[in-house]
Amino acid sequence: MNTHQPTRHLRAAQAIKGARAARQRTRFVVTVARQLDEIAPGTVRVRTVPVTRDDRRRTFVVLDSATGPVGADREQHRAAFGLLSRAFPGADWSRPQTYDARTGVLAVDHLATPAALGTDTTTETRR
């Protein structure tokens, strides 16, 4: 009598799926980097810091090149933040974030704003 045995996952199939995921990730990283460069030429890092000003939540955006800050206007900063918020819809934008266009990594930036400054709280809680 034949007994049912679970089949093994083929290593070739796993390799094909892994290679496909790696290509999709590479295309994503290259596309976001290209779009950031179109928004503000030379941008390789985007830092976002949520702040409260006049009791309104806002996001402060800094665009950096490999050698320092990128000269960009308000619209370019807004466009870069919009691009990242669409690219990473599940990110917690209420915390400081840093995106590196070379690696495609969006990470929480713990050193962006000291909590003692109170920039992340409303006026009522700072009193």
N, C-alpha and C. Protein backbone atom coordinates (compact mmCIF):
# COMPACT_ATOMS: atom_id res chain seq x y z
N MET A 1 0.83 -1.16 0.00
CA MET A 1 0.00 0.00 0.00
C MET A 1 0.89 1.24 0.00
N ASN A 2 0.50 2.22 -0.76
CA ASN A 2 1.26 3.46 -0.83
C ASN A 2 0.92 4.36 0.34
N THR A 3 1.96 4.91 0.97
CA THR A 3 1.74 5.86 2.06
C THR A 3 2.07 7.25 1.55
N HIS A 4 1.32 8.19 2.02
CA HIS A 4 1.52 9.58 1.60
C HIS A 4 2.72 10.17 2.33
N GLN A 5 3.63 10.72 1.56
CA GLN A 5 4.78 11.40 2.14
C GLN A 5 4.80 12.83 1.61
N PRO A 6 5.03 13.77 2.52
CA PRO A 6 5.08 15.15 2.03
C PRO A 6 6.25 15.34 1.07
N THR A 7 6.01 16.07 0.04
CA THR A 7 7.08 16.30 -0.93
C THR A 7 8.00 17.39 -0.43
N ARG A 8 9.24 17.28 -0.79
CA ARG A 8 10.22 18.31 -0.43
C ARG A 8 10.09 19.48 -1.39
N HIS A 9 10.38 20.66 -0.86
CA HIS A 9 10.43 21.82 -1.74
C HIS A 9 11.71 21.72 -2.55
N LEU A 10 11.58 21.90 -3.82
CA LEU A 10 12.74 21.81 -4.67
C LEU A 10 13.62 23.04 -4.47
N ARG A 11 14.89 22.81 -4.36
CA ARG A 11 15.82 23.92 -4.15
C ARG A 11 15.86 24.85 -5.36
N ALA A 12 15.70 24.29 -6.53
CA ALA A 12 15.70 25.13 -7.73
C ALA A 12 14.52 26.10 -7.72
N ALA A 13 13.36 25.61 -7.29
CA ALA A 13 12.18 26.48 -7.23
C ALA A 13 12.38 27.58 -6.20
N GLN A 14 12.99 27.25 -5.06
CA GLN A 14 13.27 28.26 -4.05
C GLN A 14 14.28 29.29 -4.56
N ALA A 15 15.27 28.83 -5.31
CA ALA A 15 16.27 29.73 -5.86
C ALA A 15 15.64 30.67 -6.88
N ILE A 16 14.73 30.15 -7.69
CA ILE A 16 14.06 30.98 -8.68
C ILE A 16 13.21 32.04 -8.00
N LYS A 17 12.47 31.65 -6.96
CA LYS A 17 11.66 32.62 -6.23
C LYS A 17 12.54 33.67 -5.55
N GLY A 18 13.65 33.26 -4.98
CA GLY A 18 14.57 34.20 -4.34
C GLY A 18 15.18 35.17 -5.33
N ALA A 19 15.56 34.67 -6.48
CA ALA A 19 16.13 35.53 -7.51
C ALA A 19 15.10 36.53 -8.02
N ARG A 20 13.87 36.08 -8.17
CA ARG A 20 12.79 36.98 -8.62
C ARG A 20 12.56 38.09 -7.59
N ALA A 21 12.53 37.72 -6.32
CA ALA A 21 12.33 38.72 -5.26
C ALA A 21 13.50 39.71 -5.22
N ALA A 22 14.71 39.22 -5.42
CA ALA A 22 15.89 40.09 -5.43
C ALA A 22 15.85 41.06 -6.60
N ARG A 23 15.42 40.60 -7.77
CA ARG A 23 15.31 41.50 -8.92
C ARG A 23 14.25 42.56 -8.70
N GLN A 24 13.11 42.17 -8.11
CA GLN A 24 12.06 43.15 -7.83
C GLN A 24 12.55 44.18 -6.82
N ARG A 25 13.27 43.75 -5.80
CA ARG A 25 13.81 44.67 -4.80
C ARG A 25 14.82 45.62 -5.43
N THR A 26 15.68 45.09 -6.30
CA THR A 26 16.67 45.93 -6.97
C THR A 26 16.00 46.97 -7.85
N ARG A 27 14.96 46.57 -8.59
CA ARG A 27 14.22 47.52 -9.43
C ARG A 27 13.58 48.61 -8.58
N PHE A 28 13.02 48.22 -7.43
CA PHE A 28 12.39 49.18 -6.53
C PHE A 28 13.42 50.20 -6.03
N VAL A 29 14.58 49.73 -5.57
CA VAL A 29 15.62 50.62 -5.04
C VAL A 29 16.11 51.56 -6.12
N VAL A 30 16.36 51.05 -7.32
CA VAL A 30 16.85 51.88 -8.42
C VAL A 30 15.79 52.90 -8.83
N THR A 31 14.54 52.50 -8.88
CA THR A 31 13.47 53.41 -9.27
C THR A 31 13.31 54.55 -8.26
N VAL A 32 13.29 54.24 -6.97
CA VAL A 32 13.16 55.28 -5.95
C VAL A 32 14.36 56.21 -5.99
N ALA A 33 15.57 55.65 -6.14
CA ALA A 33 16.78 56.48 -6.21
C ALA A 33 16.73 57.41 -7.42
N ARG A 34 16.28 56.90 -8.56
CA ARG A 34 16.18 57.72 -9.77
C ARG A 34 15.16 58.84 -9.59
N GLN A 35 14.02 58.51 -8.98
CA GLN A 35 12.99 59.52 -8.77
C GLN A 35 13.44 60.58 -7.77
N LEU A 36 14.16 60.18 -6.73
CA LEU A 36 14.70 61.16 -5.80
C LEU A 36 15.71 62.08 -6.49
N ASP A 37 16.51 61.51 -7.38
CA ASP A 37 17.49 62.31 -8.11
C ASP A 37 16.80 63.27 -9.08
N GLU A 38 15.65 62.88 -9.61
CA GLU A 38 14.89 63.78 -10.48
C GLU A 38 14.26 64.91 -9.67
N ILE A 39 13.82 64.60 -8.46
CA ILE A 39 13.21 65.62 -7.60
C ILE A 39 14.26 66.63 -7.17
N ALA A 40 15.38 66.14 -6.62
CA ALA A 40 16.46 67.01 -6.16
C ALA A 40 17.78 66.31 -6.52
N PRO A 41 18.45 66.75 -7.57
CA PRO A 41 19.66 66.08 -8.04
C PRO A 41 20.71 65.93 -6.94
N GLY A 42 21.26 64.73 -6.86
CA GLY A 42 22.31 64.43 -5.90
C GLY A 42 21.82 63.83 -4.60
N THR A 43 20.52 63.70 -4.42
CA THR A 43 19.98 63.19 -3.15
C THR A 43 20.29 61.71 -2.99
N VAL A 44 20.93 61.37 -1.86
CA VAL A 44 21.19 59.96 -1.54
C VAL A 44 20.60 59.58 -0.19
N ARG A 45 20.18 60.56 0.59
CA ARG A 45 19.58 60.26 1.90
C ARG A 45 18.49 61.28 2.20
N VAL A 46 17.39 60.77 2.73
CA VAL A 46 16.26 61.61 3.12
C VAL A 46 15.99 61.34 4.60
N ARG A 47 15.98 62.40 5.37
CA ARG A 47 15.65 62.28 6.80
C ARG A 47 14.35 63.01 7.05
N THR A 48 13.44 62.38 7.80
CA THR A 48 12.18 63.00 8.15
C THR A 48 12.06 63.04 9.67
N VAL A 49 11.57 64.16 10.17
CA VAL A 49 11.36 64.32 11.61
C VAL A 49 9.98 64.93 11.81
N PRO A 50 9.09 64.24 12.54
CA PRO A 50 7.78 64.83 12.82
C PRO A 50 7.93 65.91 13.90
N VAL A 51 7.31 67.04 13.67
CA VAL A 51 7.34 68.14 14.63
C VAL A 51 5.93 68.70 14.79
N THR A 52 5.73 69.40 15.90
CA THR A 52 4.46 70.08 16.12
C THR A 52 4.73 71.57 16.14
N ARG A 53 4.03 72.28 15.29
CA ARG A 53 4.19 73.73 15.21
C ARG A 53 2.81 74.35 15.15
N ASP A 54 2.56 75.30 16.01
CA ASP A 54 1.24 75.93 16.09
C ASP A 54 0.15 74.88 16.28
N ASP A 55 0.45 73.90 17.13
CA ASP A 55 -0.48 72.80 17.44
C ASP A 55 -0.88 71.98 16.22
N ARG A 56 -0.05 71.98 15.20
CA ARG A 56 -0.29 71.16 14.00
C ARG A 56 0.89 70.25 13.79
N ARG A 57 0.61 69.00 13.48
CA ARG A 57 1.67 68.04 13.19
C ARG A 57 2.20 68.31 11.78
N ARG A 58 3.50 68.37 11.66
CA ARG A 58 4.16 68.56 10.37
C ARG A 58 5.35 67.61 10.32
N THR A 59 5.89 67.46 9.14
CA THR A 59 7.07 66.63 8.97
C THR A 59 8.18 67.47 8.38
N PHE A 60 9.29 67.55 9.09
CA PHE A 60 10.47 68.27 8.64
C PHE A 60 11.30 67.30 7.81
N VAL A 61 11.67 67.69 6.59
CA VAL A 61 12.38 66.81 5.67
C VAL A 61 13.74 67.43 5.33
N VAL A 62 14.78 66.60 5.39
CA VAL A 62 16.13 67.04 5.03
C VAL A 62 16.62 66.13 3.90
N LEU A 63 17.08 66.73 2.81
CA LEU A 63 17.64 65.99 1.68
C LEU A 63 19.16 66.14 1.72
N ASP A 64 19.86 65.02 1.73
CA ASP A 64 21.32 65.04 1.80
C ASP A 64 21.92 64.36 0.58
N SER A 65 23.07 64.89 0.14
CA SER A 65 23.87 64.22 -0.88
C SER A 65 24.99 63.47 -0.17
N ALA A 66 25.92 62.93 -0.92
CA ALA A 66 27.03 62.22 -0.31
C ALA A 66 27.98 63.17 0.41
N THR A 67 27.94 64.46 0.05
CA THR A 67 28.87 65.43 0.64
C THR A 67 28.21 66.43 1.58
N GLY A 68 26.90 66.44 1.69
CA GLY A 68 26.23 67.39 2.57
C GLY A 68 24.81 67.66 2.12
N PRO A 69 24.19 68.70 2.67
CA PRO A 69 22.80 69.00 2.32
C PRO A 69 22.63 69.38 0.85
N VAL A 70 21.50 69.01 0.30
CA VAL A 70 21.14 69.35 -1.07
C VAL A 70 20.36 70.66 -1.03
N GLY A 71 20.71 71.58 -1.90
CA GLY A 71 19.94 72.83 -2.00
C GLY A 71 18.62 72.55 -2.69
N ALA A 72 17.55 72.53 -1.91
CA ALA A 72 16.23 72.22 -2.46
C ALA A 72 15.21 73.16 -1.85
N ASP A 73 14.13 73.39 -2.59
CA ASP A 73 13.08 74.26 -2.08
C ASP A 73 11.99 73.44 -1.40
N ARG A 74 10.96 74.13 -0.93
CA ARG A 74 9.89 73.48 -0.18
C ARG A 74 9.17 72.42 -1.01
N GLU A 75 8.93 72.71 -2.28
CA GLU A 75 8.23 71.75 -3.14
C GLU A 75 9.05 70.47 -3.33
N GLN A 76 10.35 70.59 -3.45
CA GLN A 76 11.20 69.41 -3.61
C GLN A 76 11.19 68.57 -2.34
N HIS A 77 11.23 69.21 -1.18
CA HIS A 77 11.14 68.47 0.08
C HIS A 77 9.79 67.76 0.19
N ARG A 78 8.73 68.46 -0.16
CA ARG A 78 7.39 67.88 -0.12
C ARG A 78 7.27 66.71 -1.09
N ALA A 79 7.83 66.85 -2.28
CA ALA A 79 7.76 65.77 -3.28
C ALA A 79 8.55 64.55 -2.81
N ALA A 80 9.71 64.76 -2.20
CA ALA A 80 10.51 63.63 -1.71
C ALA A 80 9.78 62.89 -0.60
N PHE A 81 9.15 63.63 0.31
CA PHE A 81 8.39 62.98 1.37
C PHE A 81 7.18 62.24 0.79
N GLY A 82 6.51 62.83 -0.19
CA GLY A 82 5.38 62.16 -0.83
C GLY A 82 5.80 60.88 -1.50
N LEU A 83 6.95 60.90 -2.17
CA LEU A 83 7.46 59.70 -2.83
C LEU A 83 7.70 58.59 -1.80
N LEU A 84 8.36 58.94 -0.71
CA LEU A 84 8.67 57.93 0.30
C LEU A 84 7.42 57.43 1.02
N SER A 85 6.48 58.32 1.28
CA SER A 85 5.27 57.88 1.97
C SER A 85 4.43 56.95 1.08
N ARG A 86 4.51 57.14 -0.24
CA ARG A 86 3.83 56.21 -1.15
C ARG A 86 4.61 54.92 -1.32
N ALA A 87 5.93 55.01 -1.29
CA ALA A 87 6.76 53.81 -1.46
C ALA A 87 6.72 52.91 -0.22
N PHE A 88 6.52 53.53 0.95
CA PHE A 88 6.49 52.79 2.21
C PHE A 88 5.20 53.12 2.97
N PRO A 89 4.06 52.61 2.49
CA PRO A 89 2.78 52.98 3.12
C PRO A 89 2.63 52.47 4.55
N GLY A 90 3.36 51.45 4.92
CA GLY A 90 3.24 50.89 6.27
C GLY A 90 4.20 51.51 7.27
N ALA A 91 4.99 52.50 6.86
CA ALA A 91 5.98 53.10 7.76
C ALA A 91 5.29 53.99 8.79
N ASP A 92 5.89 54.08 9.96
CA ASP A 92 5.37 54.92 11.04
C ASP A 92 6.01 56.30 10.89
N TRP A 93 5.31 57.22 10.22
CA TRP A 93 5.85 58.55 9.95
C TRP A 93 5.73 59.47 11.16
N SER A 94 5.18 58.96 12.26
CA SER A 94 5.14 59.76 13.48
C SER A 94 6.46 59.65 14.25
N ARG A 95 7.40 58.89 13.72
CA ARG A 95 8.73 58.75 14.30
C ARG A 95 9.75 59.22 13.27
N PRO A 96 10.90 59.71 13.72
CA PRO A 96 11.93 60.12 12.77
C PRO A 96 12.40 58.93 11.92
N GLN A 97 12.54 59.15 10.63
CA GLN A 97 12.95 58.10 9.70
C GLN A 97 14.11 58.58 8.85
N THR A 98 14.93 57.65 8.41
CA THR A 98 16.01 57.94 7.47
C THR A 98 15.93 56.93 6.34
N TYR A 99 15.92 57.43 5.11
CA TYR A 99 15.93 56.57 3.93
C TYR A 99 17.25 56.75 3.20
N ASP A 100 17.94 55.65 2.94
CA ASP A 100 19.19 55.68 2.20
C ASP A 100 18.90 55.17 0.79
N ALA A 101 19.05 56.03 -0.20
CA ALA A 101 18.72 55.67 -1.59
C ALA A 101 19.72 54.68 -2.17
N ARG A 102 20.91 54.59 -1.61
CA ARG A 102 21.90 53.64 -2.12
C ARG A 102 21.55 52.21 -1.74
N THR A 103 20.99 52.03 -0.55
CA THR A 103 20.66 50.68 -0.09
C THR A 103 19.17 50.38 -0.14
N GLY A 104 18.34 51.43 -0.18
CA GLY A 104 16.90 51.24 -0.20
C GLY A 104 16.33 50.93 1.17
N VAL A 105 17.05 51.27 2.22
CA VAL A 105 16.62 50.95 3.58
C VAL A 105 15.99 52.17 4.23
N LEU A 106 14.78 52.00 4.75
CA LEU A 106 14.11 53.01 5.55
C LEU A 106 14.19 52.54 6.99
N ALA A 107 14.80 53.35 7.85
CA ALA A 107 15.00 52.96 9.24
C ALA A 107 14.59 54.08 10.18
N VAL A 108 14.18 53.70 11.37
CA VAL A 108 13.86 54.68 12.40
C VAL A 108 15.15 55.34 12.84
N ASP A 109 15.13 56.67 12.89
CA ASP A 109 16.31 57.44 13.27
C ASP A 109 16.14 57.89 14.72
N HIS A 110 16.78 57.17 15.65
CA HIS A 110 16.63 57.45 17.07
C HIS A 110 17.35 58.72 17.49
N LEU A 111 18.31 59.19 16.73
CA LEU A 111 19.10 60.35 17.11
C LEU A 111 18.62 61.64 16.46
N ALA A 112 17.52 61.62 15.76
CA ALA A 112 17.08 62.80 15.01
C ALA A 112 16.70 63.97 15.91
N THR A 113 15.91 63.73 16.91
CA THR A 113 15.44 64.81 17.77
C THR A 113 15.48 64.37 19.22
N PRO A 114 16.21 65.07 20.06
CA PRO A 114 16.19 64.74 21.48
C PRO A 114 14.80 64.99 22.07
N ALA A 115 14.33 64.08 22.87
CA ALA A 115 12.99 64.20 23.45
C ALA A 115 12.87 65.42 24.36
N ALA A 116 13.98 65.86 24.94
CA ALA A 116 13.94 66.99 25.87
C ALA A 116 13.56 68.29 25.17
N LEU A 117 13.72 68.37 23.86
CA LEU A 117 13.35 69.59 23.15
C LEU A 117 11.84 69.77 23.06
N GLY A 118 11.11 68.68 23.14
CA GLY A 118 9.66 68.78 23.10
C GLY A 118 9.09 69.09 21.74
N THR A 119 9.84 68.86 20.67
CA THR A 119 9.33 69.19 19.34
C THR A 119 8.31 68.18 18.86
N ASP A 120 8.20 67.04 19.51
CA ASP A 120 7.26 66.02 19.07
C ASP A 120 5.98 66.00 19.90
N THR A 121 5.77 67.03 20.71
CA THR A 121 4.57 67.09 21.53
C THR A 121 3.83 68.40 21.29
N THR A 122 2.58 68.42 21.66
CA THR A 122 1.79 69.63 21.49
C THR A 122 2.09 70.63 22.58
N THR A 123 1.67 71.85 22.41
CA THR A 123 1.94 72.92 23.35
C THR A 123 1.39 72.61 24.74
N GLU A 124 0.19 72.01 24.79
CA GLU A 124 -0.45 71.73 26.07
C GLU A 124 0.39 70.76 26.91
N THR A 125 0.99 69.77 26.29
CA THR A 125 1.75 68.78 27.06
C THR A 125 3.14 69.29 27.42
N ARG A 126 3.63 70.35 26.76
CA ARG A 126 4.93 70.90 27.10
C ARG A 126 4.86 71.82 28.30
N ARG A 127 3.71 72.28 28.67
CA ARG A 127 3.56 73.24 29.79
C ARG A 127 3.62 72.57 31.11
